[in-house]
Amino acid sequence: MPKFPTVAEYVAAQPEALRDVYATLLPVLDDAMPAPAVLYHGAPTWKAGKNPVCLAKAYSSYVTLAFWRGQLFDGDLEPSAREMAHVKLRSAEDVDAKQITAWVRQALALETESAA
């Protein structure tokens, strides 16, 4: 996938079904996180300070919402590498704002604990 200068351009380059997922997902994450997404390693990523907290990466038929320390908190996330865990969002209906906000709160709490 080519590199994009902005999150908006990254999203605009995705297939329509994935753009719909992003249209629902991005406001949820932007509202829950202290700062908006930036492109980090080629995918929209939300950070707490300098630490990445979660990302939303497009694949051919879904968007993966992954949390760097997701294995350390509650929720129906699938374990990934190291402490990461993720969920695959195949449609806008898969975006559960309440659950995603809860995951973000847990992720931010872990970042606060590790900074103390």
N, C-alpha and C. Protein backbone atom coordinates (compact mmCIF):
# COMPACT_ATOMS: atom_id res chain seq x y z
N MET A 1 0.84 -1.17 0.00
CA MET A 1 0.00 0.00 0.00
C MET A 1 0.89 1.24 0.00
N PRO A 2 0.54 2.23 -0.79
CA PRO A 2 1.35 3.45 -0.84
C PRO A 2 1.28 4.23 0.47
N LYS A 3 2.26 5.10 0.66
CA LYS A 3 2.26 5.95 1.85
C LYS A 3 1.35 7.15 1.61
N PHE A 4 0.67 7.57 2.64
CA PHE A 4 -0.25 8.70 2.56
C PHE A 4 0.20 9.77 3.54
N PRO A 5 0.05 11.05 3.18
CA PRO A 5 0.48 12.10 4.09
C PRO A 5 -0.48 12.35 5.26
N THR A 6 -1.77 12.00 5.10
CA THR A 6 -2.73 12.26 6.17
C THR A 6 -3.65 11.06 6.38
N VAL A 7 -4.28 11.03 7.55
CA VAL A 7 -5.26 9.98 7.84
C VAL A 7 -6.41 10.07 6.86
N ALA A 8 -6.87 11.28 6.55
CA ALA A 8 -7.99 11.45 5.62
C ALA A 8 -7.67 10.86 4.25
N GLU A 9 -6.46 11.06 3.77
CA GLU A 9 -6.08 10.49 2.47
C GLU A 9 -5.96 8.97 2.54
N TYR A 10 -5.48 8.46 3.66
CA TYR A 10 -5.41 7.01 3.86
C TYR A 10 -6.81 6.42 3.77
N VAL A 11 -7.75 7.01 4.49
CA VAL A 11 -9.13 6.51 4.51
C VAL A 11 -9.76 6.64 3.12
N ALA A 12 -9.55 7.75 2.46
CA ALA A 12 -10.15 7.98 1.14
C ALA A 12 -9.69 6.95 0.11
N ALA A 13 -8.51 6.38 0.30
CA ALA A 13 -7.97 5.41 -0.65
C ALA A 13 -8.51 4.00 -0.44
N GLN A 14 -9.31 3.80 0.61
CA GLN A 14 -9.82 2.46 0.92
C GLN A 14 -11.10 2.17 0.13
N PRO A 15 -11.45 0.89 -0.03
CA PRO A 15 -12.72 0.54 -0.67
C PRO A 15 -13.90 1.13 0.12
N GLU A 16 -15.01 1.30 -0.55
CA GLU A 16 -16.18 1.95 0.07
C GLU A 16 -16.60 1.31 1.39
N ALA A 17 -16.65 0.00 1.45
CA ALA A 17 -17.07 -0.67 2.68
C ALA A 17 -16.15 -0.33 3.85
N LEU A 18 -14.86 -0.22 3.59
CA LEU A 18 -13.92 0.12 4.65
C LEU A 18 -14.00 1.60 5.00
N ARG A 19 -14.28 2.44 4.01
CA ARG A 19 -14.48 3.87 4.31
C ARG A 19 -15.67 4.03 5.26
N ASP A 20 -16.71 3.21 5.06
CA ASP A 20 -17.87 3.26 5.95
C ASP A 20 -17.48 2.86 7.38
N VAL A 21 -16.63 1.85 7.51
CA VAL A 21 -16.15 1.45 8.84
C VAL A 21 -15.40 2.62 9.47
N TYR A 22 -14.49 3.22 8.72
CA TYR A 22 -13.72 4.35 9.25
C TYR A 22 -14.63 5.53 9.59
N ALA A 23 -15.65 5.79 8.78
CA ALA A 23 -16.55 6.92 9.05
C ALA A 23 -17.24 6.77 10.40
N THR A 24 -17.49 5.54 10.80
CA THR A 24 -18.11 5.28 12.10
C THR A 24 -17.06 5.19 13.21
N LEU A 25 -15.93 4.57 12.92
CA LEU A 25 -14.90 4.31 13.93
C LEU A 25 -14.10 5.54 14.32
N LEU A 26 -13.66 6.32 13.37
CA LEU A 26 -12.75 7.44 13.68
C LEU A 26 -13.33 8.42 14.69
N PRO A 27 -14.60 8.84 14.55
CA PRO A 27 -15.12 9.77 15.57
C PRO A 27 -15.16 9.16 16.97
N VAL A 28 -15.43 7.87 17.07
CA VAL A 28 -15.45 7.21 18.38
C VAL A 28 -14.06 7.30 19.02
N LEU A 29 -13.04 6.94 18.24
CA LEU A 29 -11.68 6.96 18.77
C LEU A 29 -11.20 8.38 19.02
N ASP A 30 -11.49 9.30 18.11
CA ASP A 30 -11.06 10.68 18.30
C ASP A 30 -11.69 11.29 19.55
N ASP A 31 -12.96 10.94 19.83
CA ASP A 31 -13.62 11.47 21.03
C ASP A 31 -13.05 10.86 22.30
N ALA A 32 -12.65 9.60 22.25
CA ALA A 32 -12.18 8.90 23.45
C ALA A 32 -10.71 9.14 23.76
N MET A 33 -9.93 9.46 22.75
CA MET A 33 -8.48 9.64 22.93
C MET A 33 -8.14 11.10 23.18
N PRO A 34 -7.01 11.36 23.85
CA PRO A 34 -6.63 12.75 24.12
C PRO A 34 -6.15 13.51 22.89
N ALA A 35 -5.79 12.81 21.83
CA ALA A 35 -5.31 13.47 20.61
C ALA A 35 -5.83 12.70 19.40
N PRO A 36 -6.00 13.38 18.26
CA PRO A 36 -6.47 12.68 17.06
C PRO A 36 -5.41 11.73 16.50
N ALA A 37 -5.84 10.92 15.57
CA ALA A 37 -4.95 9.93 14.96
C ALA A 37 -3.86 10.60 14.14
N VAL A 38 -2.73 9.91 14.08
CA VAL A 38 -1.64 10.26 13.18
C VAL A 38 -1.29 8.99 12.41
N LEU A 39 -0.63 9.12 11.30
CA LEU A 39 -0.16 7.94 10.59
C LEU A 39 1.15 7.49 11.22
N TYR A 40 1.18 6.24 11.64
CA TYR A 40 2.35 5.66 12.31
C TYR A 40 2.52 4.27 11.72
N HIS A 41 3.64 4.01 11.13
CA HIS A 41 3.88 2.75 10.42
C HIS A 41 2.79 2.48 9.39
N GLY A 42 2.31 3.55 8.75
CA GLY A 42 1.38 3.42 7.64
C GLY A 42 -0.07 3.24 7.98
N ALA A 43 -0.46 3.35 9.25
CA ALA A 43 -1.86 3.17 9.63
C ALA A 43 -2.28 4.25 10.63
N PRO A 44 -3.56 4.64 10.63
CA PRO A 44 -4.03 5.59 11.64
C PRO A 44 -3.79 5.03 13.04
N THR A 45 -3.13 5.83 13.86
CA THR A 45 -2.73 5.40 15.20
C THR A 45 -3.02 6.52 16.19
N TRP A 46 -3.52 6.14 17.34
CA TRP A 46 -3.80 7.09 18.41
C TRP A 46 -2.78 6.86 19.51
N LYS A 47 -2.27 7.97 20.04
CA LYS A 47 -1.21 7.89 21.04
C LYS A 47 -1.61 8.61 22.32
N ALA A 48 -0.99 8.20 23.42
CA ALA A 48 -1.06 8.92 24.68
C ALA A 48 0.36 9.44 24.89
N GLY A 49 0.55 10.72 24.67
CA GLY A 49 1.91 11.25 24.66
C GLY A 49 2.65 10.68 23.47
N LYS A 50 3.78 10.07 23.73
CA LYS A 50 4.57 9.47 22.65
C LYS A 50 4.25 7.99 22.46
N ASN A 51 3.46 7.42 23.36
CA ASN A 51 3.20 5.98 23.32
C ASN A 51 1.99 5.64 22.46
N PRO A 52 2.14 4.76 21.49
CA PRO A 52 0.98 4.33 20.71
C PRO A 52 0.04 3.51 21.59
N VAL A 53 -1.25 3.77 21.44
CA VAL A 53 -2.27 3.09 22.23
C VAL A 53 -3.07 2.12 21.36
N CYS A 54 -3.54 2.61 20.20
CA CYS A 54 -4.32 1.75 19.31
C CYS A 54 -4.14 2.20 17.87
N LEU A 55 -4.48 1.29 16.97
CA LEU A 55 -4.40 1.59 15.54
C LEU A 55 -5.62 1.00 14.85
N ALA A 56 -5.91 1.52 13.67
CA ALA A 56 -7.01 1.02 12.84
C ALA A 56 -6.47 0.84 11.43
N LYS A 57 -6.05 -0.37 11.13
CA LYS A 57 -5.39 -0.66 9.85
C LYS A 57 -6.33 -1.38 8.90
N ALA A 58 -6.36 -0.90 7.66
CA ALA A 58 -7.21 -1.50 6.62
C ALA A 58 -6.53 -2.70 5.99
N TYR A 59 -7.31 -3.75 5.82
CA TYR A 59 -6.91 -4.92 5.04
C TYR A 59 -7.91 -5.02 3.89
N SER A 60 -7.87 -6.07 3.12
CA SER A 60 -8.72 -6.12 1.93
C SER A 60 -10.22 -6.14 2.23
N SER A 61 -10.64 -6.76 3.33
CA SER A 61 -12.07 -6.86 3.58
C SER A 61 -12.48 -6.45 5.01
N TYR A 62 -11.56 -5.89 5.77
CA TYR A 62 -11.87 -5.48 7.14
C TYR A 62 -10.86 -4.45 7.62
N VAL A 63 -11.21 -3.81 8.72
CA VAL A 63 -10.31 -2.90 9.43
C VAL A 63 -9.97 -3.57 10.75
N THR A 64 -8.70 -3.69 11.04
CA THR A 64 -8.27 -4.22 12.33
C THR A 64 -8.11 -3.07 13.30
N LEU A 65 -8.83 -3.13 14.40
CA LEU A 65 -8.64 -2.20 15.51
C LEU A 65 -7.80 -2.95 16.53
N ALA A 66 -6.59 -2.48 16.75
CA ALA A 66 -5.65 -3.18 17.63
C ALA A 66 -5.19 -2.24 18.74
N PHE A 67 -5.01 -2.82 19.92
CA PHE A 67 -4.51 -2.09 21.08
C PHE A 67 -3.16 -2.67 21.48
N TRP A 68 -2.18 -1.79 21.68
CA TRP A 68 -0.82 -2.23 21.98
C TRP A 68 -0.78 -3.10 23.23
N ARG A 69 -1.57 -2.77 24.23
CA ARG A 69 -1.56 -3.54 25.49
C ARG A 69 -2.90 -4.23 25.71
N GLY A 70 -3.56 -4.57 24.63
CA GLY A 70 -4.92 -5.11 24.68
C GLY A 70 -5.08 -6.43 25.39
N GLN A 71 -4.01 -7.21 25.51
CA GLN A 71 -4.12 -8.48 26.23
C GLN A 71 -4.22 -8.27 27.74
N LEU A 72 -3.99 -7.04 28.18
CA LEU A 72 -3.99 -6.76 29.61
C LEU A 72 -5.33 -6.24 30.13
N PHE A 73 -6.32 -6.09 29.25
CA PHE A 73 -7.61 -5.62 29.74
C PHE A 73 -8.77 -6.46 29.23
N ASP A 74 -9.95 -6.22 29.83
CA ASP A 74 -11.14 -7.01 29.54
C ASP A 74 -11.71 -6.68 28.17
N GLY A 75 -12.32 -7.68 27.57
CA GLY A 75 -12.99 -7.46 26.30
C GLY A 75 -12.80 -8.62 25.36
N ASP A 76 -13.58 -8.62 24.32
CA ASP A 76 -13.53 -9.69 23.33
C ASP A 76 -12.52 -9.37 22.24
N LEU A 77 -11.28 -9.23 22.63
CA LEU A 77 -10.21 -8.96 21.68
C LEU A 77 -9.41 -10.24 21.46
N GLU A 78 -8.95 -10.40 20.24
CA GLU A 78 -8.15 -11.57 19.89
C GLU A 78 -6.67 -11.26 20.14
N PRO A 79 -5.97 -12.10 20.88
CA PRO A 79 -4.55 -11.84 21.14
C PRO A 79 -3.73 -11.79 19.84
N SER A 80 -2.76 -10.89 19.84
CA SER A 80 -1.84 -10.73 18.72
C SER A 80 -0.42 -10.86 19.27
N ALA A 81 0.51 -10.22 18.61
CA ALA A 81 1.91 -10.25 19.02
C ALA A 81 2.11 -9.52 20.35
N ARG A 82 3.06 -10.00 21.12
CA ARG A 82 3.45 -9.41 22.40
C ARG A 82 2.22 -9.18 23.27
N GLU A 83 1.96 -7.95 23.68
CA GLU A 83 0.80 -7.63 24.51
C GLU A 83 -0.39 -7.16 23.69
N MET A 84 -0.25 -7.12 22.37
CA MET A 84 -1.31 -6.58 21.52
C MET A 84 -2.50 -7.52 21.44
N ALA A 85 -3.67 -6.92 21.18
CA ALA A 85 -4.89 -7.67 20.91
C ALA A 85 -5.73 -6.84 19.94
N HIS A 86 -6.60 -7.51 19.18
CA HIS A 86 -7.32 -6.80 18.13
C HIS A 86 -8.73 -7.37 17.92
N VAL A 87 -9.50 -6.62 17.15
CA VAL A 87 -10.81 -7.05 16.68
C VAL A 87 -10.89 -6.65 15.21
N LYS A 88 -11.53 -7.49 14.40
CA LYS A 88 -11.71 -7.19 12.98
C LYS A 88 -13.10 -6.60 12.77
N LEU A 89 -13.13 -5.43 12.14
CA LEU A 89 -14.38 -4.73 11.85
C LEU A 89 -14.65 -4.84 10.36
N ARG A 90 -15.67 -5.60 9.99
CA ARG A 90 -15.98 -5.85 8.58
C ARG A 90 -17.02 -4.89 8.01
N SER A 91 -17.78 -4.24 8.89
CA SER A 91 -18.79 -3.28 8.45
C SER A 91 -18.96 -2.23 9.53
N ALA A 92 -19.63 -1.14 9.17
CA ALA A 92 -19.87 -0.08 10.14
C ALA A 92 -20.69 -0.60 11.32
N GLU A 93 -21.54 -1.59 11.08
CA GLU A 93 -22.35 -2.17 12.15
C GLU A 93 -21.50 -2.88 13.20
N ASP A 94 -20.30 -3.27 12.85
CA ASP A 94 -19.39 -3.92 13.80
C ASP A 94 -18.77 -2.94 14.79
N VAL A 95 -18.90 -1.66 14.53
CA VAL A 95 -18.30 -0.64 15.40
C VAL A 95 -19.24 -0.42 16.59
N ASP A 96 -18.85 -0.96 17.73
CA ASP A 96 -19.62 -0.83 18.98
C ASP A 96 -18.97 0.30 19.78
N ALA A 97 -19.54 1.49 19.66
CA ALA A 97 -18.93 2.68 20.27
C ALA A 97 -18.74 2.52 21.77
N LYS A 98 -19.71 1.95 22.45
CA LYS A 98 -19.61 1.79 23.90
C LYS A 98 -18.45 0.86 24.26
N GLN A 99 -18.34 -0.27 23.57
CA GLN A 99 -17.26 -1.22 23.85
C GLN A 99 -15.90 -0.63 23.51
N ILE A 100 -15.80 0.03 22.36
CA ILE A 100 -14.53 0.62 21.94
C ILE A 100 -14.09 1.70 22.92
N THR A 101 -15.03 2.51 23.37
CA THR A 101 -14.70 3.54 24.36
C THR A 101 -14.21 2.90 25.66
N ALA A 102 -14.82 1.79 26.07
CA ALA A 102 -14.36 1.08 27.27
C ALA A 102 -12.94 0.56 27.08
N TRP A 103 -12.65 0.01 25.90
CA TRP A 103 -11.29 -0.46 25.64
C TRP A 103 -10.29 0.69 25.69
N VAL A 104 -10.66 1.82 25.10
CA VAL A 104 -9.77 2.98 25.11
C VAL A 104 -9.51 3.43 26.55
N ARG A 105 -10.54 3.47 27.36
CA ARG A 105 -10.35 3.87 28.77
C ARG A 105 -9.39 2.94 29.48
N GLN A 106 -9.54 1.64 29.25
CA GLN A 106 -8.63 0.68 29.87
C GLN A 106 -7.20 0.89 29.36
N ALA A 107 -7.07 1.11 28.07
CA ALA A 107 -5.74 1.32 27.48
C ALA A 107 -5.10 2.58 28.05
N LEU A 108 -5.86 3.65 28.17
CA LEU A 108 -5.32 4.89 28.72
C LEU A 108 -4.96 4.72 30.19
N ALA A 109 -5.74 3.96 30.94
CA ALA A 109 -5.42 3.71 32.34
C ALA A 109 -4.10 2.96 32.46
N LEU A 110 -3.86 2.00 31.58
CA LEU A 110 -2.58 1.29 31.60
C LEU A 110 -1.42 2.23 31.30
N GLU A 111 -1.62 3.15 30.38
CA GLU A 111 -0.56 4.11 30.06
C GLU A 111 -0.30 5.03 31.24
N THR A 112 -1.35 5.43 31.94
CA THR A 112 -1.19 6.29 33.12
C THR A 112 -0.44 5.56 34.22
N GLU A 113 -0.78 4.27 34.42
CA GLU A 113 -0.10 3.47 35.44
C GLU A 113 1.38 3.31 35.12
N SER A 114 1.69 3.05 33.86
CA SER A 114 3.10 2.82 33.49
C SER A 114 3.91 4.11 33.54
N ALA A 115 3.24 5.26 33.43
CA ALA A 115 3.96 6.54 33.48
C ALA A 115 4.23 6.96 34.92
N ALA A 116 3.48 6.39 35.86
CA ALA A 116 3.62 6.80 37.27
C ALA A 116 4.84 6.18 37.92
